[in-house]
Each structure stands twice: as C-alpha cells, then as structure tokens.
Amino acid sequence: FRNWYYPAEILHYKGESTQKSSFRYV
C-alpha cells in the first residue's frame, strides 16, 4: 500500500496527553 499526506488542517496540541518532562516519558 501507499501512505499519503493530504493538506487538510487540524490542531494538535502535541503532547497535552503525555508528560514529556518525566523520567517515564524518556
């Protein structure tokens, strides 16, 4: 199969659901 990018827009807060400053994240 082929994977595609399509130029429609969404907002992604990028990591609000994760704690990227934690040792567990690393």
mmCIF file of all heavy atoms, coordinates in Angstrom:
data_MODEL
# 
_entry.id   MODEL 
# 
loop_
_atom_site.group_PDB 
_atom_site.id 
_atom_site.type_symbol 
_atom_site.label_atom_id 
_atom_site.label_alt_id 
_atom_site.label_comp_id 
_atom_site.label_asym_id 
_atom_site.label_entity_id 
_atom_site.label_seq_id 
_atom_site.pdbx_PDB_ins_code 
_atom_site.Cartn_x 
_atom_site.Cartn_y 
_atom_site.Cartn_z 
_atom_site.occupancy 
_atom_site.B_iso_or_equiv 
_atom_site.pdbx_formal_charge 
_atom_site.auth_seq_id 
_atom_site.auth_comp_id 
_atom_site.auth_asym_id 
_atom_site.auth_atom_id 
_atom_site.pdbx_PDB_model_num 
ATOM 1   N N   . PHE A 1 1  ? 0.834  -1.202 0.000  1.00 0.00 ? 1  PHE A N   1 
ATOM 2   C CA  . PHE A 1 1  ? 0.000  0.000  0.000  1.00 0.00 ? 1  PHE A CA  1 
ATOM 3   C C   . PHE A 1 1  ? 0.870  1.253  0.000  1.00 0.00 ? 1  PHE A C   1 
ATOM 4   O O   . PHE A 1 1  ? 2.081  1.195  0.239  1.00 0.00 ? 1  PHE A O   1 
ATOM 5   C CB  . PHE A 1 1  ? -0.927 -0.003 1.219  1.00 0.00 ? 1  PHE A CB  1 
ATOM 6   C CG  . PHE A 1 1  ? -1.954 -1.091 1.182  1.00 0.00 ? 1  PHE A CG  1 
ATOM 7   C CD1 . PHE A 1 1  ? -1.704 -2.315 1.794  1.00 0.00 ? 1  PHE A CD1 1 
ATOM 8   C CD2 . PHE A 1 1  ? -3.162 -0.903 0.528  1.00 0.00 ? 1  PHE A CD2 1 
ATOM 9   C CE1 . PHE A 1 1  ? -2.638 -3.338 1.749  1.00 0.00 ? 1  PHE A CE1 1 
ATOM 10  C CE2 . PHE A 1 1  ? -4.111 -1.919 0.480  1.00 0.00 ? 1  PHE A CE2 1 
ATOM 11  C CZ  . PHE A 1 1  ? -3.840 -3.135 1.090  1.00 0.00 ? 1  PHE A CZ  1 
ATOM 12  N N   . ARG A 1 2  ? 0.238  2.388  -0.273 1.00 0.00 ? 2  ARG A N   1 
ATOM 13  C CA  . ARG A 1 2  ? 0.937  3.670  -0.278 1.00 0.00 ? 2  ARG A CA  1 
ATOM 14  C C   . ARG A 1 2  ? 0.398  4.548  0.845  1.00 0.00 ? 2  ARG A C   1 
ATOM 15  O O   . ARG A 1 2  ? -0.798 4.517  1.152  1.00 0.00 ? 2  ARG A O   1 
ATOM 16  C CB  . ARG A 1 2  ? 0.742  4.369  -1.630 1.00 0.00 ? 2  ARG A CB  1 
ATOM 17  C CG  . ARG A 1 2  ? 1.262  3.563  -2.803 1.00 0.00 ? 2  ARG A CG  1 
ATOM 18  C CD  . ARG A 1 2  ? 0.633  3.993  -4.116 1.00 0.00 ? 2  ARG A CD  1 
ATOM 19  N NE  . ARG A 1 2  ? 1.144  5.269  -4.584 1.00 0.00 ? 2  ARG A NE  1 
ATOM 20  C CZ  . ARG A 1 2  ? 0.658  5.921  -5.642 1.00 0.00 ? 2  ARG A CZ  1 
ATOM 21  N NH1 . ARG A 1 2  ? -0.357 5.415  -6.321 1.00 0.00 ? 2  ARG A NH1 1 
ATOM 22  N NH2 . ARG A 1 2  ? 1.185  7.077  -6.025 1.00 0.00 ? 2  ARG A NH2 1 
ATOM 23  N N   . ASN A 1 3  ? 1.293  5.319  1.467  1.00 0.00 ? 3  ASN A N   1 
ATOM 24  C CA  . ASN A 1 3  ? 0.911  6.241  2.527  1.00 0.00 ? 3  ASN A CA  1 
ATOM 25  C C   . ASN A 1 3  ? 0.964  7.669  1.995  1.00 0.00 ? 3  ASN A C   1 
ATOM 26  O O   . ASN A 1 3  ? 1.895  8.030  1.266  1.00 0.00 ? 3  ASN A O   1 
ATOM 27  C CB  . ASN A 1 3  ? 1.836  6.085  3.737  1.00 0.00 ? 3  ASN A CB  1 
ATOM 28  C CG  . ASN A 1 3  ? 1.737  4.714  4.367  1.00 0.00 ? 3  ASN A CG  1 
ATOM 29  O OD1 . ASN A 1 3  ? 0.694  4.052  4.278  1.00 0.00 ? 3  ASN A OD1 1 
ATOM 30  N ND2 . ASN A 1 3  ? 2.809  4.257  4.998  1.00 0.00 ? 3  ASN A ND2 1 
ATOM 31  N N   . TRP A 1 4  ? -0.016 8.472  2.402  1.00 0.00 ? 4  TRP A N   1 
ATOM 32  C CA  . TRP A 1 4  ? -0.180 9.793  1.819  1.00 0.00 ? 4  TRP A CA  1 
ATOM 33  C C   . TRP A 1 4  ? -0.269 10.894 2.877  1.00 0.00 ? 4  TRP A C   1 
ATOM 34  O O   . TRP A 1 4  ? -0.724 10.659 3.995  1.00 0.00 ? 4  TRP A O   1 
ATOM 35  C CB  . TRP A 1 4  ? -1.458 9.847  0.963  1.00 0.00 ? 4  TRP A CB  1 
ATOM 36  C CG  . TRP A 1 4  ? -1.366 9.129  -0.344 1.00 0.00 ? 4  TRP A CG  1 
ATOM 37  C CD1 . TRP A 1 4  ? -1.599 7.806  -0.572 1.00 0.00 ? 4  TRP A CD1 1 
ATOM 38  C CD2 . TRP A 1 4  ? -1.022 9.699  -1.613 1.00 0.00 ? 4  TRP A CD2 1 
ATOM 39  N NE1 . TRP A 1 4  ? -1.428 7.504  -1.908 1.00 0.00 ? 4  TRP A NE1 1 
ATOM 40  C CE2 . TRP A 1 4  ? -1.079 8.662  -2.565 1.00 0.00 ? 4  TRP A CE2 1 
ATOM 41  C CE3 . TRP A 1 4  ? -0.686 10.984 -2.029 1.00 0.00 ? 4  TRP A CE3 1 
ATOM 42  C CZ2 . TRP A 1 4  ? -0.807 8.858  -3.914 1.00 0.00 ? 4  TRP A CZ2 1 
ATOM 43  C CZ3 . TRP A 1 4  ? -0.421 11.194 -3.380 1.00 0.00 ? 4  TRP A CZ3 1 
ATOM 44  C CH2 . TRP A 1 4  ? -0.472 10.152 -4.303 1.00 0.00 ? 4  TRP A CH2 1 
ATOM 45  N N   . TYR A 1 5  ? 0.149  12.075 2.465  1.00 0.00 ? 5  TYR A N   1 
ATOM 46  C CA  . TYR A 1 5  ? -0.114 13.312 3.198  1.00 0.00 ? 5  TYR A CA  1 
ATOM 47  C C   . TYR A 1 5  ? -1.148 14.098 2.406  1.00 0.00 ? 5  TYR A C   1 
ATOM 48  O O   . TYR A 1 5  ? -1.062 14.218 1.184  1.00 0.00 ? 5  TYR A O   1 
ATOM 49  C CB  . TYR A 1 5  ? 1.165  14.145 3.331  1.00 0.00 ? 5  TYR A CB  1 
ATOM 50  C CG  . TYR A 1 5  ? 0.916  15.624 3.553  1.00 0.00 ? 5  TYR A CG  1 
ATOM 51  C CD1 . TYR A 1 5  ? 0.633  16.126 4.818  1.00 0.00 ? 5  TYR A CD1 1 
ATOM 52  C CD2 . TYR A 1 5  ? 0.960  16.521 2.480  1.00 0.00 ? 5  TYR A CD2 1 
ATOM 53  C CE1 . TYR A 1 5  ? 0.396  17.484 5.007  1.00 0.00 ? 5  TYR A CE1 1 
ATOM 54  C CE2 . TYR A 1 5  ? 0.728  17.875 2.664  1.00 0.00 ? 5  TYR A CE2 1 
ATOM 55  C CZ  . TYR A 1 5  ? 0.439  18.347 3.926  1.00 0.00 ? 5  TYR A CZ  1 
ATOM 56  O OH  . TYR A 1 5  ? 0.216  19.695 4.105  1.00 0.00 ? 5  TYR A OH  1 
ATOM 57  N N   . TYR A 1 6  ? -2.166 14.641 3.133  1.00 0.00 ? 6  TYR A N   1 
ATOM 58  C CA  . TYR A 1 6  ? -3.204 15.444 2.489  1.00 0.00 ? 6  TYR A CA  1 
ATOM 59  C C   . TYR A 1 6  ? -3.280 16.804 3.186  1.00 0.00 ? 6  TYR A C   1 
ATOM 60  O O   . TYR A 1 6  ? -3.298 16.867 4.419  1.00 0.00 ? 6  TYR A O   1 
ATOM 61  C CB  . TYR A 1 6  ? -4.561 14.722 2.590  1.00 0.00 ? 6  TYR A CB  1 
ATOM 62  C CG  . TYR A 1 6  ? -5.661 15.402 1.807  1.00 0.00 ? 6  TYR A CG  1 
ATOM 63  C CD1 . TYR A 1 6  ? -5.778 15.219 0.440  1.00 0.00 ? 6  TYR A CD1 1 
ATOM 64  C CD2 . TYR A 1 6  ? -6.575 16.249 2.443  1.00 0.00 ? 6  TYR A CD2 1 
ATOM 65  C CE1 . TYR A 1 6  ? -6.794 15.839 -0.285 1.00 0.00 ? 6  TYR A CE1 1 
ATOM 66  C CE2 . TYR A 1 6  ? -7.584 16.878 1.734  1.00 0.00 ? 6  TYR A CE2 1 
ATOM 67  C CZ  . TYR A 1 6  ? -7.687 16.676 0.364  1.00 0.00 ? 6  TYR A CZ  1 
ATOM 68  O OH  . TYR A 1 6  ? -8.670 17.301 -0.347 1.00 0.00 ? 6  TYR A OH  1 
ATOM 69  N N   . PRO A 1 7  ? -3.305 17.915 2.430  1.00 0.00 ? 7  PRO A N   1 
ATOM 70  C CA  . PRO A 1 7  ? -3.189 19.251 3.027  1.00 0.00 ? 7  PRO A CA  1 
ATOM 71  C C   . PRO A 1 7  ? -4.482 19.786 3.641  1.00 0.00 ? 7  PRO A C   1 
ATOM 72  O O   . PRO A 1 7  ? -4.945 20.874 3.304  1.00 0.00 ? 7  PRO A O   1 
ATOM 73  C CB  . PRO A 1 7  ? -2.738 20.109 1.845  1.00 0.00 ? 7  PRO A CB  1 
ATOM 74  C CG  . PRO A 1 7  ? -3.346 19.451 0.652  1.00 0.00 ? 7  PRO A CG  1 
ATOM 75  C CD  . PRO A 1 7  ? -3.301 17.970 0.949  1.00 0.00 ? 7  PRO A CD  1 
ATOM 76  N N   . ALA A 1 8  ? -5.075 19.014 4.541  1.00 0.00 ? 8  ALA A N   1 
ATOM 77  C CA  . ALA A 1 8  ? -6.207 19.490 5.344  1.00 0.00 ? 8  ALA A CA  1 
ATOM 78  C C   . ALA A 1 8  ? -5.684 19.727 6.755  1.00 0.00 ? 8  ALA A C   1 
ATOM 79  O O   . ALA A 1 8  ? -4.789 19.011 7.219  1.00 0.00 ? 8  ALA A O   1 
ATOM 80  C CB  . ALA A 1 8  ? -7.330 18.465 5.347  1.00 0.00 ? 8  ALA A CB  1 
ATOM 81  N N   . GLU A 1 9  ? -6.240 20.706 7.456  1.00 0.00 ? 9  GLU A N   1 
ATOM 82  C CA  . GLU A 1 9  ? -5.627 21.156 8.706  1.00 0.00 ? 9  GLU A CA  1 
ATOM 83  C C   . GLU A 1 9  ? -6.402 20.701 9.948  1.00 0.00 ? 9  GLU A C   1 
ATOM 84  O O   . GLU A 1 9  ? -7.627 20.724 9.982  1.00 0.00 ? 9  GLU A O   1 
ATOM 85  C CB  . GLU A 1 9  ? -5.519 22.686 8.724  1.00 0.00 ? 9  GLU A CB  1 
ATOM 86  C CG  . GLU A 1 9  ? -4.539 23.227 7.701  1.00 0.00 ? 9  GLU A CG  1 
ATOM 87  C CD  . GLU A 1 9  ? -4.437 24.738 7.719  1.00 0.00 ? 9  GLU A CD  1 
ATOM 88  O OE1 . GLU A 1 9  ? -5.404 25.394 8.179  1.00 0.00 ? 9  GLU A OE1 1 
ATOM 89  O OE2 . GLU A 1 9  ? -3.413 25.269 7.271  1.00 0.00 ? 9  GLU A OE2 1 
ATOM 90  N N   . ILE A 1 10 ? -5.610 20.312 10.955 1.00 0.00 ? 10 ILE A N   1 
ATOM 91  C CA  . ILE A 1 10 ? -6.145 20.077 12.292 1.00 0.00 ? 10 ILE A CA  1 
ATOM 92  C C   . ILE A 1 10 ? -5.205 20.769 13.283 1.00 0.00 ? 10 ILE A C   1 
ATOM 93  O O   . ILE A 1 10 ? -4.071 21.121 12.938 1.00 0.00 ? 10 ILE A O   1 
ATOM 94  C CB  . ILE A 1 10 ? -6.246 18.577 12.632 1.00 0.00 ? 10 ILE A CB  1 
ATOM 95  C CG1 . ILE A 1 10 ? -4.851 17.978 12.864 1.00 0.00 ? 10 ILE A CG1 1 
ATOM 96  C CG2 . ILE A 1 10 ? -6.985 17.812 11.554 1.00 0.00 ? 10 ILE A CG2 1 
ATOM 97  C CD1 . ILE A 1 10 ? -4.879 16.605 13.511 1.00 0.00 ? 10 ILE A CD1 1 
ATOM 98  N N   . LEU A 1 11 ? -5.674 20.962 14.487 1.00 0.00 ? 11 LEU A N   1 
ATOM 99  C CA  . LEU A 1 11 ? -4.811 21.438 15.569 1.00 0.00 ? 11 LEU A CA  1 
ATOM 100 C C   . LEU A 1 11 ? -4.377 20.244 16.400 1.00 0.00 ? 11 LEU A C   1 
ATOM 101 O O   . LEU A 1 11 ? -5.206 19.413 16.781 1.00 0.00 ? 11 LEU A O   1 
ATOM 102 C CB  . LEU A 1 11 ? -5.543 22.439 16.464 1.00 0.00 ? 11 LEU A CB  1 
ATOM 103 C CG  . LEU A 1 11 ? -4.759 22.877 17.711 1.00 0.00 ? 11 LEU A CG  1 
ATOM 104 C CD1 . LEU A 1 11 ? -3.590 23.765 17.314 1.00 0.00 ? 11 LEU A CD1 1 
ATOM 105 C CD2 . LEU A 1 11 ? -5.649 23.590 18.713 1.00 0.00 ? 11 LEU A CD2 1 
ATOM 106 N N   . HIS A 1 12 ? -3.100 20.160 16.686 1.00 0.00 ? 12 HIS A N   1 
ATOM 107 C CA  . HIS A 1 12 ? -2.584 19.130 17.589 1.00 0.00 ? 12 HIS A CA  1 
ATOM 108 C C   . HIS A 1 12 ? -1.768 19.836 18.662 1.00 0.00 ? 12 HIS A C   1 
ATOM 109 O O   . HIS A 1 12 ? -0.726 20.411 18.376 1.00 0.00 ? 12 HIS A O   1 
ATOM 110 C CB  . HIS A 1 12 ? -1.704 18.128 16.834 1.00 0.00 ? 12 HIS A CB  1 
ATOM 111 C CG  . HIS A 1 12 ? -1.196 17.018 17.704 1.00 0.00 ? 12 HIS A CG  1 
ATOM 112 N ND1 . HIS A 1 12 ? -0.021 16.361 17.462 1.00 0.00 ? 12 HIS A ND1 1 
ATOM 113 C CD2 . HIS A 1 12 ? -1.708 16.458 18.837 1.00 0.00 ? 12 HIS A CD2 1 
ATOM 114 C CE1 . HIS A 1 12 ? 0.170  15.448 18.388 1.00 0.00 ? 12 HIS A CE1 1 
ATOM 115 N NE2 . HIS A 1 12 ? -0.839 15.491 19.239 1.00 0.00 ? 12 HIS A NE2 1 
ATOM 116 N N   . TYR A 1 13 ? -2.277 19.775 19.884 1.00 0.00 ? 13 TYR A N   1 
ATOM 117 C CA  . TYR A 1 13 ? -1.555 20.425 20.974 1.00 0.00 ? 13 TYR A CA  1 
ATOM 118 C C   . TYR A 1 13 ? -0.218 19.764 21.233 1.00 0.00 ? 13 TYR A C   1 
ATOM 119 O O   . TYR A 1 13 ? 0.611  20.288 21.949 1.00 0.00 ? 13 TYR A O   1 
ATOM 120 C CB  . TYR A 1 13 ? -2.399 20.390 22.259 1.00 0.00 ? 13 TYR A CB  1 
ATOM 121 C CG  . TYR A 1 13 ? -3.580 21.326 22.233 1.00 0.00 ? 13 TYR A CG  1 
ATOM 122 C CD1 . TYR A 1 13 ? -4.882 20.830 22.126 1.00 0.00 ? 13 TYR A CD1 1 
ATOM 123 C CD2 . TYR A 1 13 ? -3.411 22.696 22.313 1.00 0.00 ? 13 TYR A CD2 1 
ATOM 124 C CE1 . TYR A 1 13 ? -5.974 21.681 22.106 1.00 0.00 ? 13 TYR A CE1 1 
ATOM 125 C CE2 . TYR A 1 13 ? -4.494 23.550 22.295 1.00 0.00 ? 13 TYR A CE2 1 
ATOM 126 C CZ  . TYR A 1 13 ? -5.778 23.043 22.196 1.00 0.00 ? 13 TYR A CZ  1 
ATOM 127 O OH  . TYR A 1 13 ? -6.850 23.887 22.171 1.00 0.00 ? 13 TYR A OH  1 
ATOM 128 N N   . LYS A 1 14 ? -0.020 18.590 20.654 1.00 0.00 ? 14 LYS A N   1 
ATOM 129 C CA  . LYS A 1 14 ? 1.267  17.897 20.659 1.00 0.00 ? 14 LYS A CA  1 
ATOM 130 C C   . LYS A 1 14 ? 1.748  17.565 22.059 1.00 0.00 ? 14 LYS A C   1 
ATOM 131 O O   . LYS A 1 14 ? 2.680  18.169 22.583 1.00 0.00 ? 14 LYS A O   1 
ATOM 132 C CB  . LYS A 1 14 ? 2.334  18.730 19.941 1.00 0.00 ? 14 LYS A CB  1 
ATOM 133 C CG  . LYS A 1 14 ? 3.600  17.938 19.601 1.00 0.00 ? 14 LYS A CG  1 
ATOM 134 C CD  . LYS A 1 14 ? 4.612  18.822 18.906 1.00 0.00 ? 14 LYS A CD  1 
ATOM 135 C CE  . LYS A 1 14 ? 5.901  18.090 18.675 1.00 0.00 ? 14 LYS A CE  1 
ATOM 136 N NZ  . LYS A 1 14 ? 6.933  18.929 18.052 1.00 0.00 ? 14 LYS A NZ  1 
ATOM 137 N N   . GLY A 1 15 ? 1.073  16.600 22.647 1.00 0.00 ? 15 GLY A N   1 
ATOM 138 C CA  . GLY A 1 15 ? 1.588  16.084 23.904 1.00 0.00 ? 15 GLY A CA  1 
ATOM 139 C C   . GLY A 1 15 ? 0.841  16.519 25.126 1.00 0.00 ? 15 GLY A C   1 
ATOM 140 O O   . GLY A 1 15 ? 1.310  16.285 26.240 1.00 0.00 ? 15 GLY A O   1 
ATOM 141 N N   . GLU A 1 16 ? -0.320 17.169 24.967 1.00 0.00 ? 16 GLU A N   1 
ATOM 142 C CA  . GLU A 1 16 ? -1.086 17.524 26.160 1.00 0.00 ? 16 GLU A CA  1 
ATOM 143 C C   . GLU A 1 16 ? -1.480 16.266 26.932 1.00 0.00 ? 16 GLU A C   1 
ATOM 144 O O   . GLU A 1 16 ? -1.622 16.298 28.141 1.00 0.00 ? 16 GLU A O   1 
ATOM 145 C CB  . GLU A 1 16 ? -2.351 18.300 25.774 1.00 0.00 ? 16 GLU A CB  1 
ATOM 146 C CG  . GLU A 1 16 ? -3.133 18.811 26.964 1.00 0.00 ? 16 GLU A CG  1 
ATOM 147 C CD  . GLU A 1 16 ? -2.309 19.664 27.903 1.00 0.00 ? 16 GLU A CD  1 
ATOM 148 O OE1 . GLU A 1 16 ? -1.499 20.477 27.430 1.00 0.00 ? 16 GLU A OE1 1 
ATOM 149 O OE2 . GLU A 1 16 ? -2.491 19.505 29.130 1.00 0.00 ? 16 GLU A OE2 1 
ATOM 150 N N   . SER A 1 17 ? -1.597 15.137 26.228 1.00 0.00 ? 17 SER A N   1 
ATOM 151 C CA  . SER A 1 17 ? -1.996 13.904 26.895 1.00 0.00 ? 17 SER A CA  1 
ATOM 152 C C   . SER A 1 17 ? -0.810 13.125 27.452 1.00 0.00 ? 17 SER A C   1 
ATOM 153 O O   . SER A 1 17 ? -0.967 12.040 27.980 1.00 0.00 ? 17 SER A O   1 
ATOM 154 C CB  . SER A 1 17 ? -2.776 13.014 25.920 1.00 0.00 ? 17 SER A CB  1 
ATOM 155 O OG  . SER A 1 17 ? -2.036 12.796 24.747 1.00 0.00 ? 17 SER A OG  1 
ATOM 156 N N   . THR A 1 18 ? 0.399  13.670 27.348 1.00 0.00 ? 18 THR A N   1 
ATOM 157 C CA  . THR A 1 18 ? 1.570  12.992 27.900 1.00 0.00 ? 18 THR A CA  1 
ATOM 158 C C   . THR A 1 18 ? 2.384  13.963 28.734 1.00 0.00 ? 18 THR A C   1 
ATOM 159 O O   . THR A 1 18 ? 2.321  15.183 28.555 1.00 0.00 ? 18 THR A O   1 
ATOM 160 C CB  . THR A 1 18 ? 2.479  12.431 26.785 1.00 0.00 ? 18 THR A CB  1 
ATOM 161 O OG1 . THR A 1 18 ? 2.946  13.504 25.969 1.00 0.00 ? 18 THR A OG1 1 
ATOM 162 C CG2 . THR A 1 18 ? 1.729  11.437 25.926 1.00 0.00 ? 18 THR A CG2 1 
ATOM 163 N N   . GLN A 1 19 ? 3.178  13.417 29.643 1.00 0.00 ? 19 GLN A N   1 
ATOM 164 C CA  . GLN A 1 19 ? 4.024  14.234 30.496 1.00 0.00 ? 19 GLN A CA  1 
ATOM 165 C C   . GLN A 1 19 ? 5.456  14.085 30.007 1.00 0.00 ? 19 GLN A C   1 
ATOM 166 O O   . GLN A 1 19 ? 6.204  13.229 30.446 1.00 0.00 ? 19 GLN A O   1 
ATOM 167 C CB  . GLN A 1 19 ? 3.904  13.790 31.967 1.00 0.00 ? 19 GLN A CB  1 
ATOM 168 C CG  . GLN A 1 19 ? 4.565  14.716 32.962 1.00 0.00 ? 19 GLN A CG  1 
ATOM 169 C CD  . GLN A 1 19 ? 3.917  16.082 33.012 1.00 0.00 ? 19 GLN A CD  1 
ATOM 170 O OE1 . GLN A 1 19 ? 2.717  16.197 32.873 1.00 0.00 ? 19 GLN A OE1 1 
ATOM 171 N NE2 . GLN A 1 19 ? 4.709  17.107 33.207 1.00 0.00 ? 19 GLN A NE2 1 
ATOM 172 N N   . LYS A 1 20 ? 5.878  14.967 29.103 1.00 0.00 ? 20 LYS A N   1 
ATOM 173 C CA  . LYS A 1 20 ? 7.160  14.792 28.432 1.00 0.00 ? 20 LYS A CA  1 
ATOM 174 C C   . LYS A 1 20 ? 8.349  15.212 29.298 1.00 0.00 ? 20 LYS A C   1 
ATOM 175 O O   . LYS A 1 20 ? 9.490  15.047 28.893 1.00 0.00 ? 20 LYS A O   1 
ATOM 176 C CB  . LYS A 1 20 ? 7.166  15.570 27.117 1.00 0.00 ? 20 LYS A CB  1 
ATOM 177 C CG  . LYS A 1 20 ? 6.174  15.003 26.108 1.00 0.00 ? 20 LYS A CG  1 
ATOM 178 C CD  . LYS A 1 20 ? 6.432  15.510 24.718 1.00 0.00 ? 20 LYS A CD  1 
ATOM 179 C CE  . LYS A 1 20 ? 5.546  14.796 23.705 1.00 0.00 ? 20 LYS A CE  1 
ATOM 180 N NZ  . LYS A 1 20 ? 5.827  15.187 22.322 1.00 0.00 ? 20 LYS A NZ  1 
ATOM 181 N N   . SER A 1 21 ? 8.094  15.782 30.474 1.00 0.00 ? 21 SER A N   1 
ATOM 182 C CA  . SER A 1 21 ? 9.183  16.168 31.358 1.00 0.00 ? 21 SER A CA  1 
ATOM 183 C C   . SER A 1 21 ? 9.423  15.109 32.427 1.00 0.00 ? 21 SER A C   1 
ATOM 184 O O   . SER A 1 21 ? 10.083 15.368 33.424 1.00 0.00 ? 21 SER A O   1 
ATOM 185 C CB  . SER A 1 21 ? 8.872  17.511 32.026 1.00 0.00 ? 21 SER A CB  1 
ATOM 186 O OG  . SER A 1 21 ? 7.671  17.427 32.773 1.00 0.00 ? 21 SER A OG  1 
ATOM 187 N N   . SER A 1 22 ? 8.887  13.912 32.235 1.00 0.00 ? 22 SER A N   1 
ATOM 188 C CA  . SER A 1 22 ? 9.007  12.869 33.248 1.00 0.00 ? 22 SER A CA  1 
ATOM 189 C C   . SER A 1 22 ? 10.024 11.819 32.823 1.00 0.00 ? 22 SER A C   1 
ATOM 190 O O   . SER A 1 22 ? 10.305 11.620 31.646 1.00 0.00 ? 22 SER A O   1 
ATOM 191 C CB  . SER A 1 22 ? 7.647  12.206 33.480 1.00 0.00 ? 22 SER A CB  1 
ATOM 192 O OG  . SER A 1 22 ? 7.261  11.455 32.349 1.00 0.00 ? 22 SER A OG  1 
ATOM 193 N N   . PHE A 1 23 ? 10.572 11.112 33.818 1.00 0.00 ? 23 PHE A N   1 
ATOM 194 C CA  . PHE A 1 23 ? 11.502 10.033 33.533 1.00 0.00 ? 23 PHE A CA  1 
ATOM 195 C C   . PHE A 1 23 ? 10.786 8.888  32.807 1.00 0.00 ? 23 PHE A C   1 
ATOM 196 O O   . PHE A 1 23 ? 11.383 8.202  31.995 1.00 0.00 ? 23 PHE A O   1 
ATOM 197 C CB  . PHE A 1 23 ? 12.125 9.519  34.836 1.00 0.00 ? 23 PHE A CB  1 
ATOM 198 C CG  . PHE A 1 23 ? 13.123 10.465 35.443 1.00 0.00 ? 23 PHE A CG  1 
ATOM 199 C CD1 . PHE A 1 23 ? 12.755 11.316 36.466 1.00 0.00 ? 23 PHE A CD1 1 
ATOM 200 C CD2 . PHE A 1 23 ? 14.425 10.520 34.971 1.00 0.00 ? 23 PHE A CD2 1 
ATOM 201 C CE1 . PHE A 1 23 ? 13.666 12.192 37.021 1.00 0.00 ? 23 PHE A CE1 1 
ATOM 202 C CE2 . PHE A 1 23 ? 15.351 11.394 35.513 1.00 0.00 ? 23 PHE A CE2 1 
ATOM 203 C CZ  . PHE A 1 23 ? 14.972 12.233 36.549 1.00 0.00 ? 23 PHE A CZ  1 
ATOM 204 N N   . ARG A 1 24 ? 9.497  8.702  33.118 1.00 0.00 ? 24 ARG A N   1 
ATOM 205 C CA  . ARG A 1 24 ? 8.745  7.642  32.450 1.00 0.00 ? 24 ARG A CA  1 
ATOM 206 C C   . ARG A 1 24 ? 8.646  7.909  30.955 1.00 0.00 ? 24 ARG A C   1 
ATOM 207 O O   . ARG A 1 24 ? 8.753  6.986  30.141 1.00 0.00 ? 24 ARG A O   1 
ATOM 208 C CB  . ARG A 1 24 ? 7.347  7.525  33.060 1.00 0.00 ? 24 ARG A CB  1 
ATOM 209 C CG  . ARG A 1 24 ? 6.479  6.510  32.328 1.00 0.00 ? 24 ARG A CG  1 
ATOM 210 C CD  . ARG A 1 24 ? 5.236  6.161  33.115 1.00 0.00 ? 24 ARG A CD  1 
ATOM 211 N NE  . ARG A 1 24 ? 4.339  5.331  32.347 1.00 0.00 ? 24 ARG A NE  1 
ATOM 212 C CZ  . ARG A 1 24 ? 4.522  4.036  32.070 1.00 0.00 ? 24 ARG A CZ  1 
ATOM 213 N NH1 . ARG A 1 24 ? 5.619  3.441  32.504 1.00 0.00 ? 24 ARG A NH1 1 
ATOM 214 N NH2 . ARG A 1 24 ? 3.651  3.348  31.371 1.00 0.00 ? 24 ARG A NH2 1 
ATOM 215 N N   . TYR A 1 25 ? 8.457  9.179  30.571 1.00 0.00 ? 25 TYR A N   1 
ATOM 216 C CA  . TYR A 1 25 ? 8.389  9.513  29.149 1.00 0.00 ? 25 TYR A CA  1 
ATOM 217 C C   . TYR A 1 25 ? 9.689  9.137  28.450 1.00 0.00 ? 25 TYR A C   1 
ATOM 218 O O   . TYR A 1 25 ? 9.679  8.528  27.375 1.00 0.00 ? 25 TYR A O   1 
ATOM 219 C CB  . TYR A 1 25 ? 8.115  11.005 28.968 1.00 0.00 ? 25 TYR A CB  1 
ATOM 220 C CG  . TYR A 1 25 ? 8.447  11.493 27.573 1.00 0.00 ? 25 TYR A CG  1 
ATOM 221 C CD1 . TYR A 1 25 ? 7.622  11.203 26.497 1.00 0.00 ? 25 TYR A CD1 1 
ATOM 222 C CD2 . TYR A 1 25 ? 9.616  12.215 27.336 1.00 0.00 ? 25 TYR A CD2 1 
ATOM 223 C CE1 . TYR A 1 25 ? 7.935  11.622 25.220 1.00 0.00 ? 25 TYR A CE1 1 
ATOM 224 C CE2 . TYR A 1 25 ? 9.933  12.640 26.052 1.00 0.00 ? 25 TYR A CE2 1 
ATOM 225 C CZ  . TYR A 1 25 ? 9.098  12.344 25.006 1.00 0.00 ? 25 TYR A CZ  1 
ATOM 226 O OH  . TYR A 1 25 ? 9.421  12.748 23.744 1.00 0.00 ? 25 TYR A OH  1 
ATOM 227 N N   . VAL A 1 26 ? 10.816 9.494  29.056 1.00 0.00 ? 26 VAL A N   1 
ATOM 228 C CA  . VAL A 1 26 ? 12.112 9.172  28.454 1.00 0.00 ? 26 VAL A CA  1 
ATOM 229 C C   . VAL A 1 26 ? 12.249 7.662  28.280 1.00 0.00 ? 26 VAL A C   1 
ATOM 230 O O   . VAL A 1 26 ? 12.669 7.174  27.228 1.00 0.00 ? 26 VAL A O   1 
ATOM 231 C CB  . VAL A 1 26 ? 13.266 9.729  29.312 1.00 0.00 ? 26 VAL A CB  1 
ATOM 232 C CG1 . VAL A 1 26 ? 14.614 9.225  28.800 1.00 0.00 ? 26 VAL A CG1 1 
ATOM 233 C CG2 . VAL A 1 26 ? 13.245 11.250 29.312 1.00 0.00 ? 26 VAL A CG2 1 
# 
